[in-house]
Amino acid sequence: MTAEIRPPVRSTAREWALAAGAQPDADISAAEIEPVLVEILEQLLDLTVSDPFPIRAARRLGARLCAEPLQQVRMLALVTRTLLGFPAGPRGSLVATRWPLVASQAIDSYAQALQELALAQQKKNLSDEATQRVREFAALQQRLEHEATHDALTGLANRTLLRKRVRMMAEQADRGVGLLVVDLDRFKQINDSYGHAVGDEVLVELAKRLREVAPPGAVVCRYGGDEFVLAAGMADNRVTELAHAIVHALNDSVWSSAGPVPVSASVGTTYAPPQDRSELAELLRRADRAMYSAKTAGGRRYAGAETLDTGTAVAG
């Protein structure tokens, strides 16, 4: 990583240290905290280009946030905001893509270390206050884990969780993986005509419909903007049936605060049979190509990556 595009490690660490040192229970200065945070950020950045994915190393660095000299400082929310919001690299780069995975492992490990520390304090003093703190840490850890793996607007899975779930599906020897890319038709016109607030209402409602039509065990992800991805483990290739159901489910107008908003979607599908072991990136590439074929054919339909046939998929 060149100096010209190096992420703002020192400025971020300085702001982080000032915020941490300003907390009422922090018996430590920002000057003592800052060099530790610089070192941790630098090492986390190095892990983004490590192969295989350095889960243990990232978790060790997260646990360091609970060790001396930071042991007295409670900054779980601050750690989460700082790491998840850190501009690790240019959009689309390997560093930017892998940073949320590295950061979420460090955050989870830090939360776990805080919980373990609280448990140790509870055993030592057996106080009700310590017990309540453990419960708060556990609840906060659960909430942060959900926030780190789900889209804030729709509550659907984000890319991190999608990647994890598809990997798990691919490991099942008796089932393949069906993957569908869903892109809303003319969504920019909805935002332009009705406003972004109504556009958000539409996204929330369509996310709900996707959950309802998804088969048990499927993962539904808001992949970005007005694009969704649904993946499901299945013994046979039934993605065509699922795509047909999705096109129809997303074809009815959404009733919003501005009245009915007409919607429709283009869907691209692909299927990896058992033992195929295709990576998520390859499945997405195939399904995305099929989705654009459906969109080019007029939208409001689906197309399969294996056939790119859009002739019989139009929603009536």
Protein backbone atom coordinates (compact mmCIF):
# COMPACT_ATOMS: atom_id res chain seq x y z
CA MET A 1 0.00 0.00 0.00
CA THR A 2 1.69 3.26 -1.10
CA ALA A 3 2.03 6.31 1.09
CA GLU A 4 -0.25 8.28 -1.23
CA ILE A 5 -3.20 5.98 -0.64
CA ARG A 6 -2.37 4.98 2.92
CA PRO A 7 -5.51 5.12 5.10
CA PRO A 8 -5.66 7.85 7.78
CA VAL A 9 -4.37 5.62 10.58
CA ARG A 10 -2.80 8.30 12.80
CA SER A 11 -5.61 10.84 12.54
CA THR A 12 -8.20 8.16 13.20
CA ALA A 13 -6.22 6.83 16.18
CA ARG A 14 -5.87 10.35 17.56
CA GLU A 15 -9.62 11.04 17.39
CA TRP A 16 -10.34 7.60 18.82
CA ALA A 17 -7.90 8.13 21.70
CA LEU A 18 -9.33 11.55 22.54
CA ALA A 19 -12.86 10.13 22.67
CA ALA A 20 -11.77 7.16 24.77
CA GLY A 21 -9.71 9.28 27.17
CA ALA A 22 -12.60 11.69 27.68
CA GLN A 23 -14.85 9.01 29.17
CA PRO A 24 -15.67 9.49 32.85
CA ASP A 25 -14.28 6.09 33.91
CA ALA A 26 -11.07 6.36 31.87
CA ASP A 27 -8.13 6.71 34.24
CA ILE A 28 -5.71 7.08 31.33
CA SER A 29 -4.74 9.91 29.00
CA ALA A 30 -5.28 10.11 25.25
CA ALA A 31 -1.51 10.34 24.79
CA GLU A 32 -1.08 6.92 26.42
CA ILE A 33 -3.89 5.38 24.37
CA GLU A 34 -2.99 6.73 20.91
CA PRO A 35 0.20 4.72 20.15
CA VAL A 36 -1.55 1.47 21.09
CA LEU A 37 -4.43 2.26 18.73
CA VAL A 38 -2.04 3.21 15.90
CA GLU A 39 -0.29 -0.15 16.26
CA ILE A 40 -3.58 -2.09 16.31
CA LEU A 41 -4.97 -0.27 13.24
CA GLU A 42 -1.75 -0.84 11.30
CA GLN A 43 -1.74 -4.55 12.11
CA LEU A 44 -5.43 -4.93 11.24
CA LEU A 45 -4.75 -3.29 7.87
CA ASP A 46 -1.90 -5.73 7.23
CA LEU A 47 -4.28 -8.63 7.90
CA THR A 48 -6.60 -7.56 5.05
CA VAL A 49 -4.06 -8.80 2.52
CA SER A 50 -3.21 -12.00 4.41
CA ASP A 51 -4.15 -15.39 3.01
CA PRO A 52 -5.81 -17.51 4.28
CA PHE A 53 -8.26 -15.19 6.04
CA PRO A 54 -6.59 -14.32 9.41
CA ILE A 55 -9.49 -14.85 11.82
CA ARG A 56 -7.35 -15.74 14.83
CA ALA A 57 -4.93 -12.87 14.29
CA ALA A 58 -7.80 -10.36 13.98
CA ARG A 59 -9.40 -11.71 17.16
CA ARG A 60 -6.10 -11.43 19.04
CA LEU A 61 -5.86 -7.76 18.07
CA GLY A 62 -9.46 -7.19 19.20
CA ALA A 63 -8.69 -8.75 22.57
CA ARG A 64 -5.73 -6.36 22.97
CA LEU A 65 -8.24 -3.50 23.26
CA CYS A 66 -9.25 -5.03 26.59
CA ALA A 67 -5.67 -5.49 27.84
CA GLU A 68 -3.31 -3.02 29.50
CA PRO A 69 -3.18 -0.06 29.20
CA LEU A 70 -6.78 -0.01 27.88
CA GLN A 71 -8.21 -2.42 30.43
CA GLN A 72 -9.87 0.38 32.41
CA VAL A 73 -11.58 1.93 29.36
CA ARG A 74 -15.02 0.71 28.26
CA MET A 75 -15.47 1.72 24.61
CA LEU A 76 -17.39 -1.05 22.82
CA ALA A 77 -19.69 1.33 20.91
CA LEU A 78 -16.73 3.62 20.09
CA VAL A 79 -14.64 0.68 18.85
CA THR A 80 -17.50 -0.52 16.66
CA ARG A 81 -18.16 2.90 15.10
CA THR A 82 -14.46 3.55 14.51
CA LEU A 83 -13.52 0.21 12.99
CA LEU A 84 -16.62 -0.27 10.83
CA GLY A 85 -16.43 3.33 9.61
CA PHE A 86 -12.67 3.32 8.94
CA PRO A 87 -11.78 4.10 5.27
CA ALA A 88 -9.40 1.18 4.83
CA GLY A 89 -8.90 1.54 1.09
CA PRO A 90 -10.38 2.64 -2.23
CA ARG A 91 -13.86 1.29 -2.95
CA GLY A 92 -13.70 -2.10 -4.60
CA SER A 93 -10.10 -2.75 -3.56
CA LEU A 94 -9.08 -5.95 -1.76
CA VAL A 95 -8.37 -4.00 1.43
CA ALA A 96 -11.76 -2.23 1.40
CA THR A 97 -13.57 -5.48 0.64
CA ARG A 98 -11.91 -7.50 3.39
CA TRP A 99 -11.76 -4.75 6.00
CA PRO A 100 -15.35 -5.28 7.32
CA LEU A 101 -14.53 -8.97 7.86
CA VAL A 102 -11.29 -8.24 9.74
CA ALA A 103 -12.92 -5.41 11.74
CA SER A 104 -15.97 -7.48 12.72
CA GLN A 105 -13.74 -10.27 14.05
CA ALA A 106 -11.77 -7.74 16.13
CA ILE A 107 -14.99 -6.16 17.46
CA ASP A 108 -16.49 -9.53 18.36
CA SER A 109 -13.30 -10.59 20.14
CA TYR A 110 -13.18 -7.30 22.06
CA ALA A 111 -16.79 -7.71 23.16
CA GLN A 112 -16.06 -11.27 24.24
CA ALA A 113 -12.98 -10.13 26.18
CA LEU A 114 -15.06 -7.48 27.94
CA GLN A 115 -17.64 -10.09 28.84
CA GLU A 116 -14.97 -12.42 30.22
CA LEU A 117 -13.48 -9.58 32.23
CA ALA A 118 -16.88 -8.75 33.64
CA LEU A 119 -17.42 -12.40 34.56
CA ALA A 120 -14.11 -12.45 36.40
CA GLN A 121 -15.12 -9.34 38.32
CA GLN A 122 -18.44 -10.96 39.17
CA LYS A 123 -16.73 -14.01 40.64
CA LYS A 124 -14.46 -11.75 42.65
CA ASN A 125 -17.01 -9.49 44.30
CA LEU A 126 -20.31 -11.39 43.71
CA SER A 127 -22.14 -8.11 43.40
CA ASP A 128 -25.45 -7.40 41.72
CA GLU A 129 -23.82 -4.53 39.87
CA ALA A 130 -21.31 -6.86 38.22
CA THR A 131 -24.07 -9.28 37.27
CA GLN A 132 -26.04 -6.50 35.60
CA ARG A 133 -22.96 -5.38 33.69
CA VAL A 134 -22.43 -8.89 32.35
CA ARG A 135 -25.99 -8.92 31.09
CA GLU A 136 -25.51 -5.53 29.46
CA PHE A 137 -22.30 -6.64 27.77
CA ALA A 138 -23.94 -9.82 26.50
CA ALA A 139 -26.93 -7.90 25.13
CA LEU A 140 -24.69 -5.27 23.55
CA GLN A 141 -22.46 -7.93 22.00
CA GLN A 142 -25.52 -9.60 20.50
CA ARG A 143 -26.82 -6.30 19.14
CA LEU A 144 -23.46 -5.32 17.68
CA GLU A 145 -23.06 -8.71 16.04
CA HIS A 146 -26.45 -8.21 14.41
CA GLU A 147 -25.53 -4.68 13.29
CA ALA A 148 -22.22 -5.93 11.86
CA THR A 149 -23.97 -8.54 9.70
CA HIS A 150 -27.26 -6.88 8.70
CA ASP A 151 -28.41 -3.92 6.62
CA ALA A 152 -29.57 -1.05 8.83
CA LEU A 153 -32.55 -0.03 6.66
CA THR A 154 -34.12 -3.36 5.72
CA GLY A 155 -32.79 -5.69 8.40
CA LEU A 156 -31.65 -8.11 5.68
CA ALA A 157 -28.25 -9.79 5.75
CA ASN A 158 -25.32 -7.78 4.46
CA ARG A 159 -22.46 -8.99 2.26
CA THR A 160 -20.48 -10.33 5.23
CA LEU A 161 -23.28 -12.62 6.35
CA LEU A 162 -24.12 -13.61 2.75
CA ARG A 163 -20.54 -14.74 2.19
CA LYS A 164 -20.54 -16.75 5.41
CA ARG A 165 -23.89 -18.43 4.75
CA VAL A 166 -23.11 -19.33 1.12
CA ARG A 167 -19.82 -20.88 2.23
CA MET A 168 -21.74 -23.02 4.73
CA MET A 169 -24.29 -24.04 2.07
CA ALA A 170 -21.52 -25.07 -0.34
CA GLU A 171 -20.04 -27.41 2.28
CA GLN A 172 -23.20 -29.56 2.33
CA ALA A 173 -22.39 -32.62 0.22
CA ASP A 174 -26.00 -33.53 -0.56
CA ARG A 175 -27.29 -30.09 -1.56
CA GLY A 176 -26.41 -27.53 -4.19
CA VAL A 177 -26.63 -23.75 -3.95
CA GLY A 178 -29.19 -21.68 -5.81
CA LEU A 179 -28.36 -17.98 -6.05
CA LEU A 180 -30.56 -15.18 -7.39
CA VAL A 181 -29.66 -11.54 -8.04
CA VAL A 182 -32.70 -9.25 -7.82
CA ASP A 183 -32.50 -5.72 -9.21
CA LEU A 184 -35.46 -3.31 -9.03
CA ASP A 185 -36.57 -1.85 -12.35
CA ARG A 186 -36.37 1.95 -12.73
CA PHE A 187 -35.79 2.51 -9.02
CA LYS A 188 -34.03 5.81 -9.75
CA GLN A 189 -37.33 7.09 -11.18
CA ILE A 190 -39.04 6.23 -7.89
CA ASN A 191 -36.49 8.26 -5.94
CA ASP A 192 -36.70 11.14 -8.43
CA SER A 193 -40.51 11.18 -8.55
CA TYR A 194 -41.43 10.44 -4.94
CA GLY A 195 -38.30 11.30 -2.95
CA HIS A 196 -35.73 9.16 -1.16
CA ALA A 197 -37.90 8.70 1.94
CA VAL A 198 -40.56 6.97 -0.14
CA GLY A 199 -37.79 5.05 -1.92
CA ASP A 200 -36.71 3.73 1.48
CA GLU A 201 -40.32 2.70 2.23
CA VAL A 202 -40.35 0.75 -1.02
CA LEU A 203 -37.07 -1.00 -0.18
CA VAL A 204 -38.33 -1.98 3.28
CA GLU A 205 -41.58 -3.40 1.88
CA LEU A 206 -39.85 -5.33 -0.90
CA ALA A 207 -37.33 -6.71 1.60
CA LYS A 208 -40.31 -8.00 3.60
CA ARG A 209 -41.76 -9.68 0.48
CA LEU A 210 -38.42 -11.32 -0.30
CA ARG A 211 -38.29 -12.76 3.22
CA GLU A 212 -41.80 -14.15 2.80
CA VAL A 213 -41.07 -15.85 -0.52
CA ALA A 214 -37.63 -17.18 0.52
CA PRO A 215 -37.52 -20.91 1.34
CA PRO A 216 -36.54 -22.10 4.85
CA GLY A 217 -32.82 -21.77 5.50
CA ALA A 218 -32.28 -19.21 2.74
CA VAL A 219 -30.30 -16.02 3.25
CA VAL A 220 -31.70 -12.77 1.82
CA CYS A 221 -29.16 -9.98 1.44
CA ARG A 222 -29.41 -6.33 0.50
CA TYR A 223 -26.31 -6.32 -1.67
CA GLY A 224 -26.36 -2.59 -2.34
CA GLY A 225 -28.75 0.22 -3.28
CA ASP A 226 -31.73 -1.43 -4.95
CA GLU A 227 -30.04 -4.79 -5.53
CA PHE A 228 -30.75 -7.90 -3.46
CA VAL A 229 -29.27 -11.39 -3.42
CA LEU A 230 -31.05 -14.53 -2.26
CA ALA A 231 -29.17 -17.80 -1.75
CA ALA A 232 -30.60 -21.14 -0.68
CA GLY A 233 -29.33 -24.68 -0.30
CA MET A 234 -31.34 -27.11 -2.42
CA ALA A 235 -30.96 -30.72 -3.52
CA ASP A 236 -32.37 -30.03 -7.00
CA ASN A 237 -32.25 -26.98 -9.24
CA ARG A 238 -35.48 -25.21 -8.25
CA VAL A 239 -34.23 -21.65 -8.72
CA THR A 240 -36.56 -21.17 -11.68
CA GLU A 241 -39.60 -21.67 -9.45
CA LEU A 242 -38.13 -19.34 -6.85
CA ALA A 243 -37.31 -16.68 -9.46
CA HIS A 244 -40.85 -16.88 -10.83
CA ALA A 245 -42.26 -16.38 -7.30
CA ILE A 246 -39.96 -13.40 -6.68
CA VAL A 247 -40.85 -11.64 -9.94
CA HIS A 248 -44.54 -11.93 -9.09
CA ALA A 249 -44.08 -10.95 -5.42
CA LEU A 250 -42.25 -7.77 -6.45
CA ASN A 251 -44.67 -6.86 -9.21
CA ASP A 252 -47.50 -5.48 -7.04
CA SER A 253 -47.45 -1.75 -6.21
CA VAL A 254 -46.15 -0.70 -2.80
CA TRP A 255 -48.52 1.41 -0.70
CA SER A 256 -46.39 4.24 0.70
CA SER A 257 -46.93 7.55 2.48
CA ALA A 258 -47.22 9.08 -1.02
CA GLY A 259 -49.76 6.52 -2.19
CA PRO A 260 -49.27 3.46 -4.41
CA VAL A 261 -45.85 3.17 -6.04
CA PRO A 262 -45.57 0.82 -9.04
CA VAL A 263 -42.64 -1.58 -8.76
CA SER A 264 -41.14 -4.53 -10.61
CA ALA A 265 -37.84 -6.41 -10.65
CA SER A 266 -35.43 -8.22 -12.94
CA VAL A 267 -33.96 -11.46 -11.60
CA GLY A 268 -30.91 -13.44 -12.66
CA THR A 269 -30.37 -16.98 -11.41
CA THR A 270 -27.63 -19.57 -11.23
CA TYR A 271 -27.25 -22.96 -9.59
CA ALA A 272 -24.19 -24.80 -8.31
CA PRO A 273 -24.97 -28.52 -7.94
CA PRO A 274 -23.63 -30.57 -5.00
CA GLN A 275 -19.83 -30.91 -5.03
CA ASP A 276 -19.54 -27.91 -7.42
CA ARG A 277 -17.75 -25.76 -4.80
CA SER A 278 -18.17 -22.57 -6.83
CA GLU A 279 -17.07 -19.43 -4.99
CA LEU A 280 -19.61 -16.71 -4.17
CA ALA A 281 -17.89 -14.29 -6.57
CA GLU A 282 -18.38 -16.72 -9.48
CA LEU A 283 -22.02 -17.38 -8.58
CA LEU A 284 -22.66 -13.64 -8.37
CA ARG A 285 -20.97 -13.04 -11.71
CA ARG A 286 -23.16 -15.62 -13.46
CA ALA A 287 -26.40 -14.51 -11.81
CA ASP A 288 -25.61 -10.84 -12.39
CA ARG A 289 -25.03 -11.48 -16.10
CA ALA A 290 -28.37 -13.26 -16.29
CA MET A 291 -30.10 -10.42 -14.43
CA TYR A 292 -28.85 -7.88 -16.97
CA SER A 293 -30.16 -10.14 -19.72
CA ALA A 294 -33.61 -10.03 -18.08
CA LYS A 295 -33.39 -6.27 -17.67
CA THR A 296 -32.34 -5.76 -21.28
CA ALA A 297 -35.32 -7.82 -22.37
CA GLY A 298 -37.63 -5.30 -20.71
CA GLY A 299 -37.46 -6.14 -17.01
CA ARG A 300 -40.23 -7.61 -14.90
CA ARG A 301 -38.85 -11.09 -15.62
CA TYR A 302 -36.06 -13.51 -14.77
CA ALA A 303 -33.32 -15.24 -16.72
CA GLY A 304 -31.14 -18.24 -15.89
CA ALA A 305 -27.37 -18.04 -16.20
CA GLU A 306 -27.22 -21.53 -17.66
CA THR A 307 -29.69 -20.78 -20.50
CA LEU A 308 -30.12 -16.99 -20.49
CA ASP A 309 -33.71 -17.69 -21.55
CA THR A 310 -36.10 -14.85 -20.77
CA GLY A 311 -38.93 -15.80 -23.06
CA THR A 312 -41.35 -17.28 -20.51
CA ALA A 313 -40.59 -15.41 -17.35
CA VAL A 314 -42.57 -12.17 -17.63
CA ALA A 315 -44.84 -11.39 -14.69
CA GLY A 316 -48.44 -11.07 -15.83
